[in-house]
Amino acid sequence: MNMICKRFIFLLSIGFAATAQAATAVAEIAHLLQFVEGTQCRYERNGKMHGGKEAAEHIRKKYAHFKDEITTAEDFIALSATKSEMSGKKYRVFCGDKKVQDSDRWLLEELKRYRQ
């Protein structure tokens, strides 16, 4: 096989890998948004409590804003679902009698469960 063919195959494989990685990230992000939307937990943002649907709506808006910077589900969590851009306050999640969690930890735990 000549050098041009080898380079072409190499570049093609990189393209396929990047496409597969992007598809995986999109699926993971979609799952996390559904997870937030369907939760019975309360989501605290800037001192105000929100239900899952309201929280997911807000996170979707931030996701649209940061979309060009997001390549992984971890990027999505860090940029869209961790803290207020205005106040810098972390988002927190209240789930019944469980210990209050920062939203990034809560979502990273769910991402880990989803990947398994």
N, C-alpha and C. Protein backbone atom coordinates (compact mmCIF):
# COMPACT_ATOMS: atom_id res chain seq x y z
N MET A 1 0.85 -1.17 0.00
CA MET A 1 0.00 0.00 0.00
C MET A 1 0.90 1.24 0.00
N ASN A 2 0.59 2.17 -0.87
CA ASN A 2 1.46 3.35 -0.92
C ASN A 2 1.15 4.33 0.21
N MET A 3 2.04 5.28 0.39
CA MET A 3 1.97 6.23 1.50
C MET A 3 0.69 7.06 1.45
N ILE A 4 0.23 7.46 0.28
CA ILE A 4 -0.99 8.27 0.17
C ILE A 4 -2.19 7.48 0.65
N CYS A 5 -2.29 6.22 0.28
CA CYS A 5 -3.40 5.37 0.74
C CYS A 5 -3.36 5.19 2.25
N LYS A 6 -2.19 4.99 2.81
CA LYS A 6 -2.06 4.82 4.26
C LYS A 6 -2.50 6.09 4.99
N ARG A 7 -2.11 7.24 4.48
CA ARG A 7 -2.51 8.51 5.11
C ARG A 7 -4.01 8.71 5.01
N PHE A 8 -4.57 8.39 3.85
CA PHE A 8 -6.00 8.54 3.66
C PHE A 8 -6.76 7.65 4.64
N ILE A 9 -6.36 6.42 4.77
CA ILE A 9 -7.01 5.49 5.69
C ILE A 9 -6.87 5.98 7.13
N PHE A 10 -5.70 6.48 7.47
CA PHE A 10 -5.47 7.01 8.82
C PHE A 10 -6.41 8.20 9.09
N LEU A 11 -6.48 9.14 8.16
CA LEU A 11 -7.33 10.31 8.33
C LEU A 11 -8.81 9.91 8.39
N LEU A 12 -9.19 8.96 7.58
CA LEU A 12 -10.55 8.47 7.57
C LEU A 12 -10.90 7.83 8.92
N SER A 13 -9.97 7.07 9.48
CA SER A 13 -10.22 6.43 10.77
C SER A 13 -10.35 7.47 11.88
N ILE A 14 -9.57 8.53 11.81
CA ILE A 14 -9.68 9.62 12.79
C ILE A 14 -11.05 10.26 12.68
N GLY A 15 -11.50 10.49 11.46
CA GLY A 15 -12.82 11.08 11.24
C GLY A 15 -13.94 10.22 11.80
N PHE A 16 -13.86 8.91 11.58
CA PHE A 16 -14.87 8.00 12.12
C PHE A 16 -14.84 7.99 13.63
N ALA A 17 -13.67 8.00 14.22
CA ALA A 17 -13.55 7.99 15.68
C ALA A 17 -14.14 9.26 16.27
N ALA A 18 -13.86 10.40 15.63
CA ALA A 18 -14.39 11.67 16.11
C ALA A 18 -15.92 11.70 15.99
N THR A 19 -16.44 11.17 14.91
CA THR A 19 -17.88 11.13 14.72
C THR A 19 -18.54 10.24 15.76
N ALA A 20 -17.96 9.08 16.02
CA ALA A 20 -18.50 8.17 17.03
C ALA A 20 -18.45 8.81 18.42
N GLN A 21 -17.35 9.49 18.72
CA GLN A 21 -17.22 10.17 20.02
C GLN A 21 -18.27 11.26 20.16
N ALA A 22 -18.50 12.02 19.10
CA ALA A 22 -19.51 13.08 19.14
C ALA A 22 -20.90 12.50 19.33
N ALA A 23 -21.20 11.39 18.65
CA ALA A 23 -22.51 10.75 18.79
C ALA A 23 -22.71 10.24 20.21
N THR A 24 -21.67 9.70 20.80
CA THR A 24 -21.74 9.23 22.18
C THR A 24 -22.02 10.39 23.13
N ALA A 25 -21.32 11.49 22.94
CA ALA A 25 -21.52 12.67 23.80
C ALA A 25 -22.94 13.20 23.67
N VAL A 26 -23.47 13.25 22.46
CA VAL A 26 -24.84 13.73 22.25
C VAL A 26 -25.83 12.83 22.98
N ALA A 27 -25.65 11.52 22.89
CA ALA A 27 -26.54 10.58 23.58
C ALA A 27 -26.44 10.74 25.10
N GLU A 28 -25.23 10.90 25.60
CA GLU A 28 -25.05 11.07 27.04
C GLU A 28 -25.69 12.36 27.54
N ILE A 29 -25.52 13.43 26.79
CA ILE A 29 -26.10 14.73 27.16
C ILE A 29 -27.62 14.64 27.13
N ALA A 30 -28.16 14.01 26.11
CA ALA A 30 -29.61 13.83 26.03
C ALA A 30 -30.12 13.06 27.25
N HIS A 31 -29.40 12.02 27.63
CA HIS A 31 -29.79 11.25 28.81
C HIS A 31 -29.78 12.13 30.06
N LEU A 32 -28.72 12.91 30.24
CA LEU A 32 -28.62 13.76 31.43
C LEU A 32 -29.75 14.78 31.47
N LEU A 33 -30.09 15.35 30.35
CA LEU A 33 -31.20 16.31 30.31
C LEU A 33 -32.52 15.63 30.68
N GLN A 34 -32.74 14.43 30.19
CA GLN A 34 -33.95 13.68 30.55
C GLN A 34 -33.94 13.32 32.04
N PHE A 35 -32.76 12.97 32.54
CA PHE A 35 -32.62 12.65 33.95
C PHE A 35 -33.02 13.84 34.82
N VAL A 36 -32.51 15.03 34.49
CA VAL A 36 -32.85 16.24 35.24
C VAL A 36 -34.34 16.53 35.11
N GLU A 37 -34.84 16.47 33.90
CA GLU A 37 -36.25 16.80 33.66
C GLU A 37 -37.20 15.87 34.42
N GLY A 38 -36.84 14.62 34.54
CA GLY A 38 -37.71 13.65 35.19
C GLY A 38 -37.50 13.47 36.68
N THR A 39 -36.56 14.19 37.25
CA THR A 39 -36.26 13.99 38.67
C THR A 39 -37.36 14.55 39.57
N GLN A 40 -37.51 13.91 40.72
CA GLN A 40 -38.39 14.43 41.76
C GLN A 40 -37.61 15.34 42.71
N CYS A 41 -36.29 15.37 42.53
CA CYS A 41 -35.43 16.22 43.36
C CYS A 41 -35.69 17.69 43.03
N ARG A 42 -35.29 18.55 43.93
CA ARG A 42 -35.41 20.00 43.72
C ARG A 42 -34.03 20.53 43.39
N TYR A 43 -33.98 21.45 42.47
CA TYR A 43 -32.74 22.00 41.95
C TYR A 43 -32.64 23.45 42.41
N GLU A 44 -31.59 23.76 43.17
CA GLU A 44 -31.42 25.13 43.67
C GLU A 44 -30.48 25.89 42.75
N ARG A 45 -30.97 27.04 42.29
CA ARG A 45 -30.17 27.90 41.43
C ARG A 45 -30.31 29.33 41.95
N ASN A 46 -29.19 29.89 42.39
CA ASN A 46 -29.17 31.26 42.92
C ASN A 46 -30.17 31.45 44.05
N GLY A 47 -30.26 30.45 44.94
CA GLY A 47 -31.11 30.56 46.11
C GLY A 47 -32.58 30.26 45.87
N LYS A 48 -32.96 29.97 44.63
CA LYS A 48 -34.36 29.66 44.33
C LYS A 48 -34.47 28.19 43.94
N MET A 49 -35.55 27.55 44.40
CA MET A 49 -35.76 26.14 44.13
C MET A 49 -36.57 25.96 42.84
N HIS A 50 -36.19 24.93 42.09
CA HIS A 50 -36.86 24.62 40.82
C HIS A 50 -37.10 23.13 40.72
N GLY A 51 -38.17 22.79 40.02
CA GLY A 51 -38.43 21.39 39.72
C GLY A 51 -37.56 20.94 38.55
N GLY A 52 -37.63 19.66 38.23
CA GLY A 52 -36.80 19.10 37.18
C GLY A 52 -37.02 19.73 35.81
N LYS A 53 -38.28 19.97 35.47
CA LYS A 53 -38.57 20.55 34.14
C LYS A 53 -37.98 21.95 34.00
N GLU A 54 -38.13 22.76 35.04
CA GLU A 54 -37.56 24.11 35.01
C GLU A 54 -36.04 24.06 34.95
N ALA A 55 -35.45 23.17 35.74
CA ALA A 55 -33.99 23.04 35.76
C ALA A 55 -33.48 22.60 34.39
N ALA A 56 -34.14 21.60 33.79
CA ALA A 56 -33.71 21.12 32.48
C ALA A 56 -33.84 22.21 31.42
N GLU A 57 -34.88 23.00 31.49
CA GLU A 57 -35.07 24.10 30.54
C GLU A 57 -33.91 25.10 30.63
N HIS A 58 -33.55 25.44 31.85
CA HIS A 58 -32.44 26.38 32.05
C HIS A 58 -31.12 25.79 31.54
N ILE A 59 -30.89 24.52 31.87
CA ILE A 59 -29.65 23.86 31.43
C ILE A 59 -29.60 23.77 29.91
N ARG A 60 -30.73 23.52 29.26
CA ARG A 60 -30.77 23.48 27.79
C ARG A 60 -30.37 24.83 27.19
N LYS A 61 -30.84 25.91 27.80
CA LYS A 61 -30.47 27.26 27.31
C LYS A 61 -28.96 27.48 27.44
N LYS A 62 -28.40 27.07 28.57
CA LYS A 62 -26.96 27.23 28.74
C LYS A 62 -26.20 26.31 27.78
N TYR A 63 -26.71 25.12 27.55
CA TYR A 63 -26.10 24.19 26.59
C TYR A 63 -26.07 24.82 25.20
N ALA A 64 -27.16 25.43 24.79
CA ALA A 64 -27.20 26.09 23.47
C ALA A 64 -26.16 27.20 23.40
N HIS A 65 -26.00 27.92 24.50
CA HIS A 65 -25.03 29.02 24.55
C HIS A 65 -23.59 28.51 24.45
N PHE A 66 -23.28 27.42 25.12
CA PHE A 66 -21.90 26.90 25.18
C PHE A 66 -21.64 25.76 24.19
N LYS A 67 -22.59 25.45 23.34
CA LYS A 67 -22.51 24.26 22.48
C LYS A 67 -21.18 24.13 21.73
N ASP A 68 -20.66 25.22 21.23
CA ASP A 68 -19.40 25.17 20.46
C ASP A 68 -18.20 24.78 21.32
N GLU A 69 -18.32 24.92 22.63
CA GLU A 69 -17.22 24.58 23.54
C GLU A 69 -17.37 23.19 24.15
N ILE A 70 -18.48 22.52 23.85
CA ILE A 70 -18.78 21.24 24.49
C ILE A 70 -18.51 20.10 23.52
N THR A 71 -17.61 19.19 23.94
CA THR A 71 -17.33 18.01 23.12
C THR A 71 -17.60 16.70 23.89
N THR A 72 -17.76 16.79 25.20
CA THR A 72 -18.02 15.61 26.02
C THR A 72 -19.16 15.91 27.00
N ALA A 73 -19.69 14.85 27.58
CA ALA A 73 -20.72 15.03 28.60
C ALA A 73 -20.16 15.76 29.82
N GLU A 74 -18.89 15.52 30.11
CA GLU A 74 -18.25 16.24 31.23
C GLU A 74 -18.17 17.74 30.95
N ASP A 75 -17.88 18.11 29.71
CA ASP A 75 -17.89 19.53 29.32
C ASP A 75 -19.29 20.12 29.52
N PHE A 76 -20.29 19.36 29.10
CA PHE A 76 -21.68 19.78 29.24
C PHE A 76 -22.00 20.07 30.70
N ILE A 77 -21.64 19.15 31.57
CA ILE A 77 -21.91 19.33 33.00
C ILE A 77 -21.19 20.57 33.52
N ALA A 78 -19.91 20.67 33.21
CA ALA A 78 -19.10 21.79 33.73
C ALA A 78 -19.61 23.15 33.24
N LEU A 79 -19.99 23.23 31.98
CA LEU A 79 -20.37 24.53 31.41
C LEU A 79 -21.85 24.86 31.53
N SER A 80 -22.70 23.84 31.57
CA SER A 80 -24.15 24.10 31.52
C SER A 80 -24.90 23.81 32.81
N ALA A 81 -24.34 22.99 33.68
CA ALA A 81 -25.14 22.50 34.79
C ALA A 81 -24.44 22.53 36.14
N THR A 82 -23.46 23.39 36.31
CA THR A 82 -22.67 23.40 37.54
C THR A 82 -22.88 24.64 38.39
N LYS A 83 -22.88 25.80 37.75
CA LYS A 83 -22.97 27.04 38.53
C LYS A 83 -23.52 28.17 37.68
N SER A 84 -23.92 29.21 38.37
CA SER A 84 -24.44 30.40 37.72
C SER A 84 -23.29 31.21 37.13
N GLU A 85 -23.44 31.59 35.90
CA GLU A 85 -22.44 32.46 35.28
C GLU A 85 -22.48 33.87 35.88
N MET A 86 -23.66 34.28 36.32
CA MET A 86 -23.83 35.63 36.87
C MET A 86 -23.27 35.73 38.30
N SER A 87 -23.69 34.84 39.18
CA SER A 87 -23.32 34.95 40.59
C SER A 87 -22.12 34.09 40.96
N GLY A 88 -21.84 33.06 40.15
CA GLY A 88 -20.77 32.12 40.47
C GLY A 88 -21.18 31.06 41.49
N LYS A 89 -22.44 31.13 41.97
CA LYS A 89 -22.93 30.16 42.95
C LYS A 89 -23.17 28.81 42.29
N LYS A 90 -22.75 27.75 43.01
CA LYS A 90 -22.98 26.39 42.50
C LYS A 90 -24.46 26.05 42.57
N TYR A 91 -24.91 25.26 41.60
CA TYR A 91 -26.24 24.69 41.64
C TYR A 91 -26.21 23.51 42.61
N ARG A 92 -27.29 23.34 43.38
CA ARG A 92 -27.34 22.24 44.33
C ARG A 92 -28.64 21.46 44.12
N VAL A 93 -28.59 20.18 44.52
CA VAL A 93 -29.72 19.29 44.32
C VAL A 93 -30.16 18.74 45.67
N PHE A 94 -31.46 18.82 45.93
CA PHE A 94 -32.08 18.35 47.15
C PHE A 94 -32.99 17.18 46.80
N CYS A 95 -32.65 15.99 47.26
CA CYS A 95 -33.41 14.78 46.96
C CYS A 95 -33.93 14.15 48.24
N GLY A 96 -35.12 14.54 48.63
CA GLY A 96 -35.75 13.96 49.82
C GLY A 96 -34.90 14.11 51.05
N ASP A 97 -34.65 12.99 51.73
CA ASP A 97 -33.87 13.03 52.96
C ASP A 97 -32.38 12.75 52.73
N LYS A 98 -31.97 12.69 51.47
CA LYS A 98 -30.55 12.48 51.17
C LYS A 98 -29.77 13.78 51.39
N LYS A 99 -28.48 13.64 51.56
CA LYS A 99 -27.61 14.79 51.74
C LYS A 99 -27.64 15.67 50.48
N VAL A 100 -27.67 16.98 50.68
CA VAL A 100 -27.65 17.92 49.56
C VAL A 100 -26.35 17.74 48.79
N GLN A 101 -26.45 17.76 47.46
CA GLN A 101 -25.27 17.59 46.60
C GLN A 101 -25.12 18.76 45.65
N ASP A 102 -23.89 19.05 45.30
CA ASP A 102 -23.66 19.97 44.19
C ASP A 102 -24.13 19.27 42.92
N SER A 103 -24.71 20.02 42.01
CA SER A 103 -25.29 19.41 40.80
C SER A 103 -24.25 18.70 39.95
N ASP A 104 -23.01 19.20 39.92
CA ASP A 104 -22.02 18.52 39.08
C ASP A 104 -21.75 17.11 39.60
N ARG A 105 -21.64 16.95 40.90
CA ARG A 105 -21.41 15.62 41.47
C ARG A 105 -22.61 14.70 41.18
N TRP A 106 -23.80 15.22 41.36
CA TRP A 106 -25.04 14.48 41.12
C TRP A 106 -25.10 13.98 39.67
N LEU A 107 -24.77 14.88 38.74
CA LEU A 107 -24.82 14.52 37.32
C LEU A 107 -23.67 13.60 36.91
N LEU A 108 -22.50 13.80 37.48
CA LEU A 108 -21.38 12.90 37.18
C LEU A 108 -21.67 11.48 37.67
N GLU A 109 -22.34 11.37 38.81
CA GLU A 109 -22.73 10.04 39.31
C GLU A 109 -23.72 9.38 38.36
N GLU A 110 -24.69 10.16 37.86
CA GLU A 110 -25.65 9.60 36.92
C GLU A 110 -24.98 9.23 35.59
N LEU A 111 -24.04 10.04 35.15
CA LEU A 111 -23.31 9.74 33.92
C LEU A 111 -22.55 8.42 34.07
N LYS A 112 -21.95 8.22 35.22
CA LYS A 112 -21.23 6.97 35.49
C LYS A 112 -22.20 5.79 35.42
N ARG A 113 -23.37 5.92 36.04
CA ARG A 113 -24.39 4.85 36.00
C ARG A 113 -24.82 4.58 34.55
N TYR A 114 -25.04 5.63 33.81
CA TYR A 114 -25.48 5.50 32.41
C TYR A 114 -24.44 4.78 31.57
N ARG A 115 -23.19 5.09 31.78
CA ARG A 115 -22.11 4.47 31.00
C ARG A 115 -21.93 2.99 31.33
N GLN A 116 -22.34 2.59 32.51
CA GLN A 116 -22.22 1.18 32.89
C GLN A 116 -23.34 0.42 32.25
